[in-house]
Amino acid sequence: MAIYDKLPTPQSTRILKFSPPLAADDSTTICCELMMISMTDPGPYYALSYVWGDPSFKEYTLICNGNGMKITHNLWAVLRRLG
């Protein structure tokens, strides 16, 4: 289980920012970083659930802030499309 710093204000949230480059090939790994932002002026973003798909079948890897975690195909596919 990950431990996160406390959000600084009630208007704060966390977002994933893709780490360039997101390979255009069929790589199964996506790299990103978790960032805190203010929802008072968030800029463009997409809201996604990280539990899409069968949770027992995780074949793809997400590297976030240097830490790896397995994710479902459905989440991987949408992240590849958005990245």
PDB file of N, CA and C in Angstrom:
ATOM      1  N   MET A   1       0.842  -1.183   0.000  1.00  0.00           N
ATOM      2  CA  MET A   1       0.000   0.000   0.000  1.00  0.00           C
ATOM      3  C   MET A   1       0.882   1.240   0.000  1.00  0.00           C
ATOM      4  N   ALA A   2       0.560   2.192  -0.863  1.00  0.00           N
ATOM      5  CA  ALA A   2       1.343   3.421  -0.961  1.00  0.00           C
ATOM      6  C   ALA A   2       0.922   4.406   0.124  1.00  0.00           C
ATOM      7  N   ILE A   3       1.881   5.186   0.570  1.00  0.00           N
ATOM      8  CA  ILE A   3       1.606   6.243   1.545  1.00  0.00           C
ATOM      9  C   ILE A   3       1.898   7.562   0.857  1.00  0.00           C
ATOM     10  N   TYR A   4       0.948   8.480   0.929  1.00  0.00           N
ATOM     11  CA  TYR A   4       1.071   9.756   0.248  1.00  0.00           C
ATOM     12  C   TYR A   4       1.153  10.894   1.255  1.00  0.00           C
ATOM     13  N   ASP A   5       1.802  11.998   0.829  1.00  0.00           N
ATOM     14  CA  ASP A   5       1.795  13.207   1.636  1.00  0.00           C
ATOM     15  C   ASP A   5       0.372  13.732   1.713  1.00  0.00           C
ATOM     16  N   LYS A   6       0.047  14.370   2.822  1.00  0.00           N
ATOM     17  CA  LYS A   6      -1.276  14.969   2.999  1.00  0.00           C
ATOM     18  C   LYS A   6      -1.461  16.080   1.962  1.00  0.00           C
ATOM     19  N   LEU A   7      -2.665  16.155   1.408  1.00  0.00           N
ATOM     20  CA  LEU A   7      -2.962  17.228   0.464  1.00  0.00           C
ATOM     21  C   LEU A   7      -2.971  18.555   1.214  1.00  0.00           C
ATOM     22  N   PRO A   8      -2.388  19.617   0.638  1.00  0.00           N
ATOM     23  CA  PRO A   8      -2.238  20.873   1.373  1.00  0.00           C
ATOM     24  C   PRO A   8      -3.529  21.645   1.615  1.00  0.00           C
ATOM     25  N   THR A   9      -4.534  21.485   0.733  1.00  0.00           N
ATOM     26  CA  THR A   9      -5.800  22.211   0.897  1.00  0.00           C
ATOM     27  C   THR A   9      -6.949  21.303   0.481  1.00  0.00           C
ATOM     28  N   PRO A  10      -8.178  21.642   0.880  1.00  0.00           N
ATOM     29  CA  PRO A  10      -9.337  20.851   0.429  1.00  0.00           C
ATOM     30  C   PRO A  10      -9.556  20.927  -1.085  1.00  0.00           C
ATOM     31  N   GLN A  11      -8.976  21.925  -1.746  1.00  0.00           N
ATOM     32  CA  GLN A  11      -9.115  22.073  -3.201  1.00  0.00           C
ATOM     33  C   GLN A  11      -8.024  21.322  -3.953  1.00  0.00           C
ATOM     34  N   SER A  12      -7.138  20.633  -3.247  1.00  0.00           N
ATOM     35  CA  SER A  12      -6.038  19.913  -3.883  1.00  0.00           C
ATOM     36  C   SER A  12      -6.443  18.492  -4.233  1.00  0.00           C
ATOM     37  N   THR A  13      -5.807  17.962  -5.271  1.00  0.00           N
ATOM     38  CA  THR A  13      -5.979  16.566  -5.647  1.00  0.00           C
ATOM     39  C   THR A  13      -4.685  16.081  -6.298  1.00  0.00           C
ATOM     40  N   ARG A  14      -4.647  14.811  -6.654  1.00  0.00           N
ATOM     41  CA  ARG A  14      -3.478  14.238  -7.309  1.00  0.00           C
ATOM     42  C   ARG A  14      -3.844  13.844  -8.742  1.00  0.00           C
ATOM     43  N   ILE A  15      -2.904  14.052  -9.651  1.00  0.00           N
ATOM     44  CA  ILE A  15      -3.083  13.637 -11.045  1.00  0.00           C
ATOM     45  C   ILE A  15      -1.836  12.887 -11.501  1.00  0.00           C
ATOM     46  N   LEU A  16      -2.001  12.084 -12.553  1.00  0.00           N
ATOM     47  CA  LEU A  16      -0.865  11.428 -13.198  1.00  0.00           C
ATOM     48  C   LEU A  16      -0.424  12.276 -14.374  1.00  0.00           C
ATOM     49  N   LYS A  17       0.877  12.499 -14.474  1.00  0.00           N
ATOM     50  CA  LYS A  17       1.446  13.174 -15.629  1.00  0.00           C
ATOM     51  C   LYS A  17       2.357  12.177 -16.317  1.00  0.00           C
ATOM     52  N   PHE A  18       2.125  11.953 -17.611  1.00  0.00           N
ATOM     53  CA  PHE A  18       2.932  11.003 -18.363  1.00  0.00           C
ATOM     54  C   PHE A  18       4.366  11.500 -18.453  1.00  0.00           C
ATOM     55  N   SER A  19       5.300  10.599 -18.261  1.00  0.00           N
ATOM     56  CA  SER A  19       6.715  10.924 -18.399  1.00  0.00           C
ATOM     57  C   SER A  19       7.122  10.685 -19.844  1.00  0.00           C
ATOM     58  N   PRO A  20       7.615  11.714 -20.529  1.00  0.00           N
ATOM     59  CA  PRO A  20       7.992  11.517 -21.924  1.00  0.00           C
ATOM     60  C   PRO A  20       9.244  10.670 -22.046  1.00  0.00           C
ATOM     61  N   PRO A  21       9.429   9.981 -23.153  1.00  0.00           N
ATOM     62  CA  PRO A  21       8.386   9.789 -24.160  1.00  0.00           C
ATOM     63  C   PRO A  21       7.552   8.560 -23.840  1.00  0.00           C
ATOM     64  N   LEU A  22       6.287   8.623 -24.136  1.00  0.00           N
ATOM     65  CA  LEU A  22       5.422   7.451 -24.052  1.00  0.00           C
ATOM     66  C   LEU A  22       5.594   6.732 -25.385  1.00  0.00           C
ATOM     67  N   ALA A  23       6.251   5.603 -25.370  1.00  0.00           N
ATOM     68  CA  ALA A  23       6.634   4.906 -26.600  1.00  0.00           C
ATOM     69  C   ALA A  23       5.424   4.625 -27.476  1.00  0.00           C
ATOM     70  N   ALA A  24       5.623   4.770 -28.783  1.00  0.00           N
ATOM     71  CA  ALA A  24       4.547   4.509 -29.742  1.00  0.00           C
ATOM     72  C   ALA A  24       4.496   3.038 -30.135  1.00  0.00           C
ATOM     73  N   ASP A  25       5.469   2.244 -29.654  1.00  0.00           N
ATOM     74  CA  ASP A  25       5.467   0.825 -30.005  1.00  0.00           C
ATOM     75  C   ASP A  25       4.481   0.058 -29.121  1.00  0.00           C
ATOM     76  N   ASP A  26       4.576  -1.247 -29.099  1.00  0.00           N
ATOM     77  CA  ASP A  26       3.626  -2.050 -28.330  1.00  0.00           C
ATOM     78  C   ASP A  26       4.142  -2.363 -26.921  1.00  0.00           C
ATOM     79  N   SER A  27       5.012  -1.523 -26.375  1.00  0.00           N
ATOM     80  CA  SER A  27       5.547  -1.722 -25.036  1.00  0.00           C
ATOM     81  C   SER A  27       4.406  -1.867 -24.025  1.00  0.00           C
ATOM     82  N   THR A  28       4.601  -2.731 -23.040  1.00  0.00           N
ATOM     83  CA  THR A  28       3.567  -2.917 -22.024  1.00  0.00           C
ATOM     84  C   THR A  28       3.800  -2.044 -20.809  1.00  0.00           C
ATOM     85  N   THR A  29       4.832  -1.186 -20.833  1.00  0.00           N
ATOM     86  CA  THR A  29       5.135  -0.327 -19.696  1.00  0.00           C
ATOM     87  C   THR A  29       4.792   1.123 -19.998  1.00  0.00           C
ATOM     88  N   ILE A  30       4.126   1.783 -19.058  1.00  0.00           N
ATOM     89  CA  ILE A  30       3.812   3.206 -19.145  1.00  0.00           C
ATOM     90  C   ILE A  30       4.482   3.875 -17.948  1.00  0.00           C
ATOM     91  N   CYS A  31       5.148   5.003 -18.185  1.00  0.00           N
ATOM     92  CA  CYS A  31       5.808   5.744 -17.112  1.00  0.00           C
ATOM     93  C   CYS A  31       5.078   7.057 -16.858  1.00  0.00           C
ATOM     94  N   CYS A  32       4.981   7.429 -15.579  1.00  0.00           N
ATOM     95  CA  CYS A  32       4.288   8.650 -15.210  1.00  0.00           C
ATOM     96  C   CYS A  32       4.773   9.122 -13.838  1.00  0.00           C
ATOM     97  N   GLU A  33       4.283  10.271 -13.427  1.00  0.00           N
ATOM     98  CA  GLU A  33       4.544  10.743 -12.077  1.00  0.00           C
ATOM     99  C   GLU A  33       3.235  11.234 -11.473  1.00  0.00           C
ATOM    100  N   LEU A  34       3.106  11.071 -10.173  1.00  0.00           N
ATOM    101  CA  LEU A  34       1.939  11.528  -9.442  1.00  0.00           C
ATOM    102  C   LEU A  34       2.229  12.926  -8.935  1.00  0.00           C
ATOM    103  N   MET A  35       1.352  13.878  -9.268  1.00  0.00           N
ATOM    104  CA  MET A  35       1.559  15.280  -8.898  1.00  0.00           C
ATOM    105  C   MET A  35       0.348  15.812  -8.157  1.00  0.00           C
ATOM    106  N   MET A  36       0.570  16.790  -7.286  1.00  0.00           N
ATOM    107  CA  MET A  36      -0.531  17.481  -6.634  1.00  0.00           C
ATOM    108  C   MET A  36      -0.855  18.735  -7.429  1.00  0.00           C
ATOM    109  N   ILE A  37      -2.157  19.003  -7.596  1.00  0.00           N
ATOM    110  CA  ILE A  37      -2.603  20.229  -8.266  1.00  0.00           C
ATOM    111  C   ILE A  37      -3.751  20.825  -7.466  1.00  0.00           C
ATOM    112  N   SER A  38      -4.056  22.083  -7.776  1.00  0.00           N
ATOM    113  CA  SER A  38      -5.204  22.754  -7.174  1.00  0.00           C
ATOM    114  C   SER A  38      -6.385  22.644  -8.134  1.00  0.00           C
ATOM    115  N   MET A  39      -7.531  22.266  -7.626  1.00  0.00           N
ATOM    116  CA  MET A  39      -8.726  22.171  -8.464  1.00  0.00           C
ATOM    117  C   MET A  39      -9.359  23.537  -8.711  1.00  0.00           C
ATOM    118  N   THR A  40      -8.799  24.608  -8.126  1.00  0.00           N
ATOM    119  CA  THR A  40      -9.319  25.943  -8.417  1.00  0.00           C
ATOM    120  C   THR A  40      -8.953  26.375  -9.829  1.00  0.00           C
ATOM    121  N   ASP A  41      -7.842  25.854 -10.371  1.00  0.00           N
ATOM    122  CA  ASP A  41      -7.426  26.130 -11.742  1.00  0.00           C
ATOM    123  C   ASP A  41      -6.634  24.927 -12.255  1.00  0.00           C
ATOM    124  N   PRO A  42      -7.312  23.785 -12.485  1.00  0.00           N
ATOM    125  CA  PRO A  42      -6.587  22.548 -12.759  1.00  0.00           C
ATOM    126  C   PRO A  42      -6.022  22.409 -14.165  1.00  0.00           C
ATOM    127  N   GLY A  43      -6.530  23.150 -15.130  1.00  0.00           N
ATOM    128  CA  GLY A  43      -6.137  22.907 -16.514  1.00  0.00           C
ATOM    129  C   GLY A  43      -6.841  21.655 -17.021  1.00  0.00           C
ATOM    130  N   PRO A  44      -6.570  21.232 -18.252  1.00  0.00           N
ATOM    131  CA  PRO A  44      -7.257  20.057 -18.809  1.00  0.00           C
ATOM    132  C   PRO A  44      -6.764  18.759 -18.168  1.00  0.00           C
ATOM    133  N   TYR A  45      -7.704  17.839 -17.949  1.00  0.00           N
ATOM    134  CA  TYR A  45      -7.363  16.524 -17.405  1.00  0.00           C
ATOM    135  C   TYR A  45      -8.488  15.546 -17.719  1.00  0.00           C
ATOM    136  N   TYR A  46      -8.194  14.256 -17.595  1.00  0.00           N
ATOM    137  CA  TYR A  46      -9.177  13.190 -17.748  1.00  0.00           C
ATOM    138  C   TYR A  46      -9.321  12.494 -16.403  1.00  0.00           C
ATOM    139  N   ALA A  47     -10.541  12.169 -16.011  1.00  0.00           N
ATOM    140  CA  ALA A  47     -10.778  11.419 -14.773  1.00  0.00           C
ATOM    141  C   ALA A  47     -11.013   9.955 -15.133  1.00  0.00           C
ATOM    142  N   LEU A  48     -10.204   9.055 -14.530  1.00  0.00           N
ATOM    143  CA  LEU A  48     -10.287   7.627 -14.813  1.00  0.00           C
ATOM    144  C   LEU A  48     -10.277   6.830 -13.521  1.00  0.00           C
ATOM    145  N   SER A  49     -10.869   5.648 -13.569  1.00  0.00           N
ATOM    146  CA  SER A  49     -10.770   4.702 -12.469  1.00  0.00           C
ATOM    147  C   SER A  49      -9.574   3.800 -12.712  1.00  0.00           C
ATOM    148  N   TYR A  50      -8.778   3.538 -11.694  1.00  0.00           N
ATOM    149  CA  TYR A  50      -7.617   2.665 -11.881  1.00  0.00           C
ATOM    150  C   TYR A  50      -7.957   1.196 -11.701  1.00  0.00           C
ATOM    151  N   VAL A  51      -9.221   0.851 -11.519  1.00  0.00           N
ATOM    152  CA  VAL A  51      -9.602  -0.547 -11.311  1.00  0.00           C
ATOM    153  C   VAL A  51     -10.426  -1.105 -12.471  1.00  0.00           C
ATOM    154  N   TRP A  52     -10.328  -0.529 -13.653  1.00  0.00           N
ATOM    155  CA  TRP A  52     -11.037  -1.053 -14.811  1.00  0.00           C
ATOM    156  C   TRP A  52     -10.579  -2.454 -15.122  1.00  0.00           C
ATOM    157  N   GLY A  53     -11.516  -3.305 -15.465  1.00  0.00           N
ATOM    158  CA  GLY A  53     -11.177  -4.660 -15.902  1.00  0.00           C
ATOM    159  C   GLY A  53     -11.110  -5.647 -14.758  1.00  0.00           C
ATOM    160  N   ASP A  54     -10.836  -6.891 -15.109  1.00  0.00           N
ATOM    161  CA  ASP A  54     -10.730  -7.979 -14.134  1.00  0.00           C
ATOM    162  C   ASP A  54      -9.495  -7.753 -13.267  1.00  0.00           C
ATOM    163  N   PRO A  55      -9.651  -7.464 -11.968  1.00  0.00           N
ATOM    164  CA  PRO A  55      -8.500  -7.152 -11.117  1.00  0.00           C
ATOM    165  C   PRO A  55      -7.552  -8.321 -10.899  1.00  0.00           C
ATOM    166  N   SER A  56      -7.977  -9.539 -11.222  1.00  0.00           N
ATOM    167  CA  SER A  56      -7.088 -10.684 -11.034  1.00  0.00           C
ATOM    168  C   SER A  56      -6.175 -10.909 -12.240  1.00  0.00           C
ATOM    169  N   PHE A  57      -6.398 -10.160 -13.324  1.00  0.00           N
ATOM    170  CA  PHE A  57      -5.604 -10.338 -14.540  1.00  0.00           C
ATOM    171  C   PHE A  57      -4.866  -9.037 -14.859  1.00  0.00           C
ATOM    172  N   LYS A  58      -3.689  -8.885 -14.283  1.00  0.00           N
ATOM    173  CA  LYS A  58      -2.888  -7.678 -14.487  1.00  0.00           C
ATOM    174  C   LYS A  58      -1.585  -8.072 -15.170  1.00  0.00           C
ATOM    175  N   GLU A  59      -1.480  -7.706 -16.453  1.00  0.00           N
ATOM    176  CA  GLU A  59      -0.313  -8.106 -17.231  1.00  0.00           C
ATOM    177  C   GLU A  59       0.548  -6.929 -17.662  1.00  0.00           C
ATOM    178  N   TYR A  60       0.110  -5.723 -17.423  1.00  0.00           N
ATOM    179  CA  TYR A  60       0.828  -4.533 -17.873  1.00  0.00           C
ATOM    180  C   TYR A  60       1.431  -3.804 -16.684  1.00  0.00           C
ATOM    181  N   THR A  61       2.461  -2.981 -16.960  1.00  0.00           N
ATOM    182  CA  THR A  61       3.166  -2.301 -15.884  1.00  0.00           C
ATOM    183  C   THR A  61       3.038  -0.795 -16.015  1.00  0.00           C
ATOM    184  N   LEU A  62       2.751  -0.146 -14.892  1.00  0.00           N
ATOM    185  CA  LEU A  62       2.746   1.302 -14.769  1.00  0.00           C
ATOM    186  C   LEU A  62       3.890   1.651 -13.820  1.00  0.00           C
ATOM    187  N   ILE A  63       4.818   2.492 -14.267  1.00  0.00           N
ATOM    188  CA  ILE A  63       5.903   2.977 -13.420  1.00  0.00           C
ATOM    189  C   ILE A  63       5.534   4.396 -13.018  1.00  0.00           C
ATOM    190  N   CYS A  64       5.255   4.590 -11.739  1.00  0.00           N
ATOM    191  CA  CYS A  64       4.845   5.899 -11.230  1.00  0.00           C
ATOM    192  C   CYS A  64       5.833   6.341 -10.164  1.00  0.00           C
ATOM    193  N   ASN A  65       6.471   7.483 -10.400  1.00  0.00           N
ATOM    194  CA  ASN A  65       7.486   8.020  -9.484  1.00  0.00           C
ATOM    195  C   ASN A  65       8.551   6.978  -9.183  1.00  0.00           C
ATOM    196  N   GLY A  66       8.887   6.179 -10.195  1.00  0.00           N
ATOM    197  CA  GLY A  66       9.933   5.180 -10.048  1.00  0.00           C
ATOM    198  C   GLY A  66       9.501   3.863  -9.450  1.00  0.00           C
ATOM    199  N   ASN A  67       8.248   3.734  -9.047  1.00  0.00           N
ATOM    200  CA  ASN A  67       7.725   2.501  -8.454  1.00  0.00           C
ATOM    201  C   ASN A  67       6.795   1.802  -9.438  1.00  0.00           C
ATOM    202  N   GLY A  68       6.983   0.492  -9.603  1.00  0.00           N
ATOM    203  CA  GLY A  68       6.171  -0.272 -10.541  1.00  0.00           C
ATOM    204  C   GLY A  68       4.945  -0.876  -9.893  1.00  0.00           C
ATOM    205  N   MET A  69       3.885  -0.947 -10.672  1.00  0.00           N
ATOM    206  CA  MET A  69       2.678  -1.643 -10.241  1.00  0.00           C
ATOM    207  C   MET A  69       2.031  -2.259 -11.470  1.00  0.00           C
ATOM    208  N   LYS A  70       1.378  -3.383 -11.278  1.00  0.00           N
ATOM    209  CA  LYS A  70       0.668  -4.054 -12.377  1.00  0.00           C
ATOM    210  C   LYS A  70      -0.722  -3.439 -12.515  1.00  0.00           C
ATOM    211  N   ILE A  71      -1.138  -3.245 -13.772  1.00  0.00           N
ATOM    212  CA  ILE A  71      -2.455  -2.690 -14.060  1.00  0.00           C
ATOM    213  C   ILE A  71      -3.179  -3.582 -15.060  1.00  0.00           C
ATOM    214  N   THR A  72      -4.490  -3.406 -15.144  1.00  0.00           N
ATOM    215  CA  THR A  72      -5.311  -4.207 -16.051  1.00  0.00           C
ATOM    216  C   THR A  72      -5.138  -3.732 -17.496  1.00  0.00           C
ATOM    217  N   HIS A  73      -5.518  -4.584 -18.432  1.00  0.00           N
ATOM    218  CA  HIS A  73      -5.440  -4.244 -19.855  1.00  0.00           C
ATOM    219  C   HIS A  73      -6.292  -3.024 -20.177  1.00  0.00           C
ATOM    220  N   ASN A  74      -7.500  -2.944 -19.628  1.00  0.00           N
ATOM    221  CA  ASN A  74      -8.383  -1.822 -19.948  1.00  0.00           C
ATOM    222  C   ASN A  74      -7.766  -0.489 -19.536  1.00  0.00           C
ATOM    223  N   LEU A  75      -7.202  -0.412 -18.331  1.00  0.00           N
ATOM    224  CA  LEU A  75      -6.569   0.822 -17.886  1.00  0.00           C
ATOM    225  C   LEU A  75      -5.340   1.122 -18.738  1.00  0.00           C
ATOM    226  N   TRP A  76      -4.522   0.119 -19.032  1.00  0.00           N
ATOM    227  CA  TRP A  76      -3.348   0.305 -19.871  1.00  0.00           C
ATOM    228  C   TRP A  76      -3.741   0.866 -21.241  1.00  0.00           C
ATOM    229  N   ALA A  77      -4.787   0.307 -21.838  1.00  0.00           N
ATOM    230  CA  ALA A  77      -5.211   0.731 -23.172  1.00  0.00           C
ATOM    231  C   ALA A  77      -5.650   2.197 -23.192  1.00  0.00           C
ATOM    232  N   VAL A  78      -6.404   2.614 -22.201  1.00  0.00           N
ATOM    233  CA  VAL A  78      -6.854   4.014 -22.194  1.00  0.00           C
ATOM    234  C   VAL A  78      -5.687   4.947 -21.887  1.00  0.00           C
ATOM    235  N   LEU A  79      -4.769   4.560 -21.024  1.00  0.00           N
ATOM    236  CA  LEU A  79      -3.599   5.399 -20.754  1.00  0.00           C
ATOM    237  C   LEU A  79      -2.720   5.530 -21.993  1.00  0.00           C
ATOM    238  N   ARG A  80      -2.552   4.448 -22.743  1.00  0.00           N
ATOM    239  CA  ARG A  80      -1.788   4.518 -23.990  1.00  0.00           C
ATOM    240  C   ARG A  80      -2.454   5.469 -24.982  1.00  0.00           C
ATOM    241  N   ARG A  81      -3.764   5.400 -25.046  1.00  0.00           N
ATOM    242  CA  ARG A  81      -4.484   6.273 -25.992  1.00  0.00           C
ATOM    243  C   ARG A  81      -4.391   7.742 -25.588  1.00  0.00           C
ATOM    244  N   LEU A  82      -4.510   8.024 -24.286  1.00  0.00           N
ATOM    245  CA  LEU A  82      -4.464   9.410 -23.812  1.00  0.00           C
ATOM    246  C   LEU A  82      -3.058   9.970 -23.795  1.00  0.00           C
ATOM    247  N   GLY A  83      -2.056   9.106 -23.592  1.00  0.00           N
ATOM    248  CA  GLY A  83      -0.675   9.569 -23.466  1.00  0.00           C
ATOM    249  C   GLY A  83      -0.107   9.951 -24.777  1.00  0.00           C
TER     250      GLY A  83
END
